[in-house]
Protein backbone atom coordinates (compact mmCIF):
# COMPACT_ATOMS: atom_id res chain seq x y z
CA MET A 1 124.99 96.47 -140.98
CA ARG A 2 122.73 94.07 -139.12
CA GLY A 3 125.77 92.11 -137.92
CA ALA A 4 127.21 95.22 -136.24
CA THR A 5 123.93 95.84 -134.42
CA GLU A 6 123.72 92.24 -133.20
CA ASP A 7 127.34 92.35 -131.99
CA PHE A 8 126.57 95.53 -130.05
CA LEU A 9 123.47 94.00 -128.43
CA ARG A 10 125.47 90.90 -127.47
CA HIS A 11 128.05 93.22 -125.90
CA LEU A 12 125.33 94.97 -123.87
CA GLY A 13 123.77 91.70 -122.74
CA GLY A 14 127.00 89.84 -122.04
CA GLU A 15 129.56 92.34 -120.76
CA ARG A 16 127.26 95.02 -119.37
CA GLN A 17 124.52 92.53 -118.38
CA LEU A 18 121.65 94.83 -119.26
CA ALA A 19 118.12 93.55 -118.73
CA ALA A 20 116.12 92.03 -121.59
CA HIS A 21 113.64 94.92 -121.78
CA THR A 22 116.55 97.42 -121.93
CA LEU A 23 118.08 95.46 -124.81
CA SER A 24 114.71 95.53 -126.58
CA ALA A 25 114.62 99.32 -126.24
CA TYR A 26 118.14 99.59 -127.72
CA ARG A 27 117.10 97.35 -130.61
CA ARG A 28 114.03 99.46 -131.38
CA ASP A 29 116.08 102.68 -131.34
CA LEU A 30 118.74 101.27 -133.65
CA ASP A 31 116.10 99.83 -135.98
CA GLU A 32 114.71 103.35 -136.27
CA LEU A 33 118.16 104.70 -137.09
CA GLU A 34 118.64 102.08 -139.82
CA ARG A 35 115.22 102.86 -141.27
CA PHE A 36 116.05 106.56 -141.34
CA LEU A 37 119.47 105.98 -142.95
CA THR A 38 117.96 103.85 -145.73
CA GLU A 39 115.42 106.62 -146.39
CA TYR A 40 118.05 109.38 -146.06
CA ASN A 41 120.53 107.72 -148.43
CA GLY A 42 117.85 106.57 -150.85
CA THR A 43 119.31 103.06 -150.89
CA PRO A 44 119.78 100.13 -148.51
CA GLY A 45 123.39 99.86 -149.71
CA TRP A 46 124.93 102.27 -147.16
CA SER A 47 127.53 101.52 -144.49
CA TRP A 48 128.13 102.80 -140.96
CA SER A 49 131.25 104.58 -142.21
CA ASP A 50 128.95 106.83 -144.29
CA VAL A 51 127.33 108.27 -141.14
CA ASP A 52 128.62 111.73 -140.21
CA ARG A 53 127.52 114.48 -137.84
CA LEU A 54 125.29 116.11 -140.47
CA THR A 55 123.51 112.77 -140.95
CA LEU A 56 122.93 112.48 -137.19
CA ARG A 57 121.57 116.04 -137.03
CA SER A 58 119.16 115.10 -139.81
CA PHE A 59 118.17 112.03 -137.78
CA LEU A 60 117.39 114.29 -134.80
CA GLY A 61 115.25 116.49 -137.07
CA TRP A 62 113.46 113.39 -138.37
CA LEU A 63 112.67 112.31 -134.80
CA LYS A 64 111.42 115.77 -133.82
CA GLY A 65 109.23 115.82 -136.93
CA ARG A 66 107.39 112.83 -135.50
CA SER A 67 106.37 114.95 -132.49
CA LEU A 68 108.28 112.81 -130.01
CA ALA A 69 108.88 114.17 -126.53
CA ARG A 70 112.34 115.61 -125.96
CA LYS A 71 113.01 112.91 -123.39
CA SER A 72 112.31 110.20 -125.99
CA VAL A 73 114.54 111.90 -128.55
CA ALA A 74 117.34 112.18 -125.98
CA ARG A 75 117.01 108.49 -125.10
CA LYS A 76 117.24 107.43 -128.75
CA LEU A 77 120.26 109.65 -129.30
CA SER A 78 121.90 108.10 -126.24
CA ALA A 79 121.44 104.62 -127.76
CA VAL A 80 122.93 105.79 -131.06
CA ARG A 81 125.88 107.39 -129.24
CA SER A 82 126.62 104.16 -127.37
CA PHE A 83 126.41 102.14 -130.58
CA LEU A 84 128.73 104.40 -132.58
CA ARG A 85 131.17 104.56 -129.66
CA PHE A 86 131.21 100.75 -129.71
CA LEU A 87 131.87 100.67 -133.47
CA HIS A 88 134.71 103.17 -133.11
CA ARG A 89 136.27 101.26 -130.21
CA GLU A 90 136.05 98.05 -132.26
CA GLU A 91 137.70 99.91 -135.20
CA ARG A 92 134.74 99.29 -137.48
CA ILE A 93 134.52 103.02 -138.24
CA ALA A 94 137.43 105.46 -138.46
CA ARG A 95 135.86 108.11 -136.22
CA ASN A 96 132.85 108.57 -133.97
CA PRO A 97 130.49 111.12 -135.59
CA ALA A 98 128.35 111.33 -132.42
CA ARG A 99 131.17 112.76 -130.30
CA GLY A 100 130.24 116.24 -129.15
CA LEU A 101 126.68 115.98 -130.48
CA ARG A 102 124.34 117.54 -127.91
CA SER A 103 121.10 116.01 -126.77
CA PRO A 104 117.93 118.13 -126.73
CA LYS A 105 117.45 119.66 -123.31
CA GLY A 106 114.70 117.79 -121.56
CA GLU A 107 111.86 119.23 -119.56
CA ARG A 108 112.26 118.79 -115.81
CA ARG A 109 109.27 116.88 -114.59
CA LEU A 110 108.72 116.19 -110.94
CA PRO A 111 107.94 112.50 -110.43
CA GLY A 112 104.38 111.53 -109.58
CA CYS A 113 104.08 111.24 -105.82
CA LEU A 114 101.31 110.17 -103.47
CA GLY A 115 100.57 112.21 -100.35
CA ARG A 116 100.72 110.58 -96.94
CA ARG A 117 96.94 110.67 -96.62
CA GLU A 118 96.61 108.88 -99.99
CA ILE A 119 99.16 106.28 -98.89
CA ASP A 120 97.16 105.67 -95.69
CA LEU A 121 93.94 105.22 -97.68
CA ILE A 122 95.59 102.81 -100.11
CA PHE A 123 96.89 100.68 -97.25
CA GLU A 124 93.46 100.71 -95.59
CA GLN A 125 92.04 99.23 -98.81
CA ALA A 126 94.84 96.68 -99.03
CA GLU A 127 94.44 95.63 -95.39
CA GLY A 128 90.74 95.07 -96.01
CA ARG A 129 91.50 92.81 -98.97
CA ALA A 130 94.17 90.90 -97.04
CA ALA A 131 91.66 90.26 -94.24
CA GLU A 132 89.70 88.07 -96.69
CA ASN A 133 92.71 85.70 -96.54
CA THR A 134 92.78 84.97 -100.27
CA LEU A 135 95.86 84.61 -102.44
CA GLU A 136 95.07 87.86 -104.28
CA GLY A 137 94.24 89.85 -101.15
CA THR A 138 97.30 88.85 -99.11
CA ARG A 139 99.52 89.21 -102.21
CA THR A 140 98.28 92.75 -102.82
CA LEU A 141 99.33 93.80 -99.33
CA VAL A 142 102.80 92.27 -99.86
CA ILE A 143 103.15 94.19 -103.14
CA LEU A 144 102.35 97.51 -101.48
CA GLU A 145 104.41 96.94 -98.35
CA ILE A 146 107.55 96.11 -100.33
CA LEU A 147 107.14 98.73 -103.05
CA TYR A 148 106.49 101.57 -100.62
CA GLY A 149 108.35 100.20 -97.59
CA SER A 150 111.60 99.31 -99.38
CA GLY A 151 111.46 101.52 -102.50
CA LEU A 152 111.86 98.69 -105.02
CA ARG A 153 111.37 99.09 -108.74
CA LEU A 154 108.58 97.10 -110.39
CA SER A 155 111.08 94.79 -112.13
CA GLU A 156 112.96 94.18 -108.87
CA LEU A 157 109.78 93.22 -107.02
CA GLN A 158 108.46 91.02 -109.83
CA GLN A 159 111.75 89.07 -110.00
CA LEU A 160 112.04 88.66 -106.22
CA ASP A 161 112.62 85.11 -104.93
CA TRP A 162 112.15 83.80 -101.40
CA ASP A 163 115.85 83.14 -100.92
CA ALA A 164 116.52 86.89 -101.30
CA LEU A 165 114.53 87.59 -98.12
CA ASP A 166 116.26 87.61 -94.74
CA THR A 167 113.30 87.75 -92.37
CA VAL A 168 115.51 87.43 -89.27
CA ARG A 169 117.45 90.61 -90.01
CA ALA A 170 114.53 92.20 -91.93
CA LEU A 171 116.51 92.66 -95.15
CA VAL A 172 115.94 91.94 -98.83
CA ARG A 173 118.65 91.40 -101.45
CA VAL A 174 117.74 93.10 -104.71
CA ARG A 175 119.26 92.82 -108.18
CA GLY A 176 118.63 96.13 -109.93
CA LYS A 177 119.60 97.84 -113.15
CA GLY A 178 122.77 96.52 -114.77
CA GLN A 179 122.51 93.47 -112.47
CA LYS A 180 123.80 95.60 -109.59
CA GLU A 181 123.01 94.06 -106.23
CA ARG A 182 122.00 95.96 -103.12
CA VAL A 183 120.51 95.10 -99.75
CA VAL A 184 117.64 97.18 -98.38
CA PRO A 185 115.57 96.96 -95.17
CA LEU A 186 112.14 95.39 -94.90
CA THR A 187 109.58 97.04 -92.65
CA GLN A 188 107.95 95.10 -89.84
CA ALA A 189 104.65 95.65 -91.66
CA ALA A 190 106.12 93.95 -94.75
CA LEU A 191 107.26 90.97 -92.65
CA ARG A 192 103.76 90.62 -91.19
CA ALA A 193 102.26 90.81 -94.69
CA LEU A 194 104.64 88.07 -95.89
CA ASP A 195 103.62 85.86 -92.95
CA ARG A 196 99.95 86.25 -93.91
CA TYR A 197 100.69 85.58 -97.56
CA ALA A 198 103.01 82.56 -97.14
CA PRO A 199 100.22 79.96 -96.46
CA ARG A 200 98.24 81.12 -99.50
CA HIS A 201 101.44 81.04 -101.60
CA GLY A 202 102.11 77.49 -100.38
CA GLU A 203 98.69 76.33 -101.60
CA VAL A 204 99.50 77.09 -105.25
CA ALA A 205 103.31 77.03 -105.51
CA LEU A 206 105.20 73.86 -106.43
CA SER A 207 107.58 74.21 -103.49
CA ARG A 208 106.69 76.13 -100.35
CA GLY A 209 109.02 78.97 -99.42
CA ALA A 210 111.06 78.70 -102.62
CA GLY A 211 111.05 80.20 -106.09
CA PRO A 212 109.25 83.47 -106.88
CA VAL A 213 107.63 85.40 -104.06
CA LEU A 214 104.74 86.71 -106.15
CA VAL A 215 102.80 83.96 -107.92
CA ASN A 216 99.48 83.58 -109.71
CA ARG A 217 96.88 80.85 -109.13
CA ALA A 218 98.85 78.49 -111.39
CA GLY A 219 101.92 78.88 -109.17
CA ALA A 220 103.87 80.74 -111.87
CA ARG A 221 105.68 84.03 -111.35
CA LEU A 222 103.24 86.94 -111.36
CA SER A 223 103.47 89.17 -114.44
CA ARG A 224 104.45 92.83 -114.31
CA ARG A 225 101.15 93.72 -115.93
CA THR A 226 99.21 92.14 -113.06
CA VAL A 227 101.29 94.04 -110.48
CA GLN A 228 100.68 97.29 -112.39
CA ARG A 229 96.94 96.64 -112.64
CA THR A 230 96.68 95.78 -108.93
CA VAL A 231 98.38 98.99 -107.80
CA ARG A 232 96.60 101.17 -110.35
CA GLU A 233 93.20 99.89 -109.18
CA LEU A 234 94.01 100.84 -105.58
CA ILE A 235 95.22 104.31 -106.61
CA GLU A 236 91.97 104.88 -108.49
CA VAL A 237 89.85 103.61 -105.57
CA VAL A 238 91.23 106.31 -103.25
CA GLY A 239 90.74 109.04 -105.85
CA GLY A 240 94.37 109.42 -106.84
CA GLY A 241 94.09 108.12 -110.37
CA GLU A 242 95.22 111.27 -112.14
CA ASP A 243 97.81 111.06 -114.91
CA GLY A 244 101.34 110.35 -113.81
CA LEU A 245 100.54 108.09 -110.84
CA SER A 246 101.50 104.43 -111.22
CA VAL A 247 103.44 101.60 -109.58
CA HIS A 248 106.57 103.74 -109.79
CA SER A 249 104.80 106.45 -107.80
CA LEU A 250 105.18 104.26 -104.70
CA ARG A 251 108.96 104.31 -105.18
CA HIS A 252 108.84 108.08 -105.70
CA SER A 253 106.72 108.42 -102.56
CA PHE A 254 109.16 106.24 -100.58
CA ALA A 255 112.06 108.57 -101.46
CA THR A 256 110.13 111.82 -101.08
CA HIS A 257 108.66 110.92 -97.68
CA LEU A 258 112.10 109.89 -96.40
CA LEU A 259 113.58 113.23 -97.47
CA ASP A 260 110.59 115.13 -96.07
CA SER A 261 111.34 113.50 -92.73
CA GLY A 262 115.00 114.55 -92.79
CA ALA A 263 116.70 111.47 -94.26
CA ASP A 264 120.23 111.93 -95.62
CA LEU A 265 120.34 112.27 -99.42
CA MET A 266 123.26 109.81 -99.75
CA ALA A 267 121.38 107.21 -97.70
CA VAL A 268 118.31 107.56 -99.93
CA LYS A 269 120.56 107.21 -102.99
CA GLU A 270 121.89 103.88 -101.70
CA LEU A 271 118.41 102.63 -100.79
CA LEU A 272 117.13 103.42 -104.28
CA GLY A 273 120.17 101.91 -105.99
CA HIS A 274 120.93 105.05 -108.02
CA SER A 275 124.33 105.24 -109.71
CA SER A 276 124.31 109.03 -109.76
CA LEU A 277 123.45 111.42 -106.95
CA SER A 278 121.90 113.80 -109.50
CA THR A 279 119.12 111.23 -110.09
CA THR A 280 118.28 111.16 -106.39
CA GLN A 281 118.32 114.97 -106.22
CA THR A 282 115.12 114.97 -108.30
CA TYR A 283 113.31 114.00 -105.10
CA VAL A 284 114.76 117.02 -103.31
CA HIS A 285 113.00 119.17 -105.93
CA THR A 286 109.78 117.27 -105.22
CA SER A 287 110.08 117.98 -101.51
CA MET A 288 110.94 121.63 -102.11
CA GLU A 289 107.94 122.00 -104.41
CA ARG A 290 105.68 120.78 -101.62
CA LEU A 291 107.30 123.10 -99.08
CA SER A 292 106.94 126.04 -101.45
CA ARG A 293 103.27 125.25 -101.98
CA VAL A 294 102.63 125.12 -98.23
CA TYR A 295 104.52 128.40 -97.81
CA ARG A 296 102.50 130.16 -100.51
CA VAL A 297 99.21 128.99 -99.02
CA CYS A 298 99.98 129.54 -95.35
CA HIS A 299 102.30 132.53 -95.01
CA PRO A 300 100.39 135.86 -94.75
CA ARG A 301 102.90 137.75 -96.94
CA ALA A 302 103.62 134.97 -99.45
């Protein structure tokens, strides 16, 4: 049983080139399935061939009984589906019991988004910190300018190296989910922030202008946790620290503000690195929600 799981994870990491944290999530989900099956069968001596659709429905009920959100249940079922499809394709099981099994319908949640006034206030704070000309202050401005200006994911920014930056053409090469590469523009403000940060980076990094862009005082790559804490502190300073706002909110704001200004949906899709247009369409709903709110408040007959 464990061998089949490890083979599947090697397949995801090798052939599909999924990121390490994605593989960890798959492992946790499959560990939960194995734990359930041992409990369900009353013995650790079961095999994957014993799993049928009724068993999977019971697994869904077991997950719901733990008061998990529907989105979490759907994600776990997706991992199980992929695993059983792999076993069937490898002829380790005669049939795929997950075929045709429906996921729970998830709630549509509009992504957390910062208003333009909040964005302006956050950048005012960041500019003030950068003016102190410290490593932390100039680095904070770089973080904000690239997250909001280019719409990068947290993982993409944290893994960014200097050789991915083309400052002449104002472009950055990004390796996103599934190791897919895309090229997105850098704003002039981001280029200025990088120029201010580069001397402070050179004081702590082993080699100037090489290796990771974001570094700590020891010259090592900055952790995701530090990036998250830096952005969260700024959001809270300007009074936007309500639930749902985080580092990812800058990416949401990037997309929403582009669409609010009339950007083409397909162009935004490419900038974000989405595989499916339906994912990008979430931001259309965000924009429409804002327009509807303005309409209700301002129109005399609304």
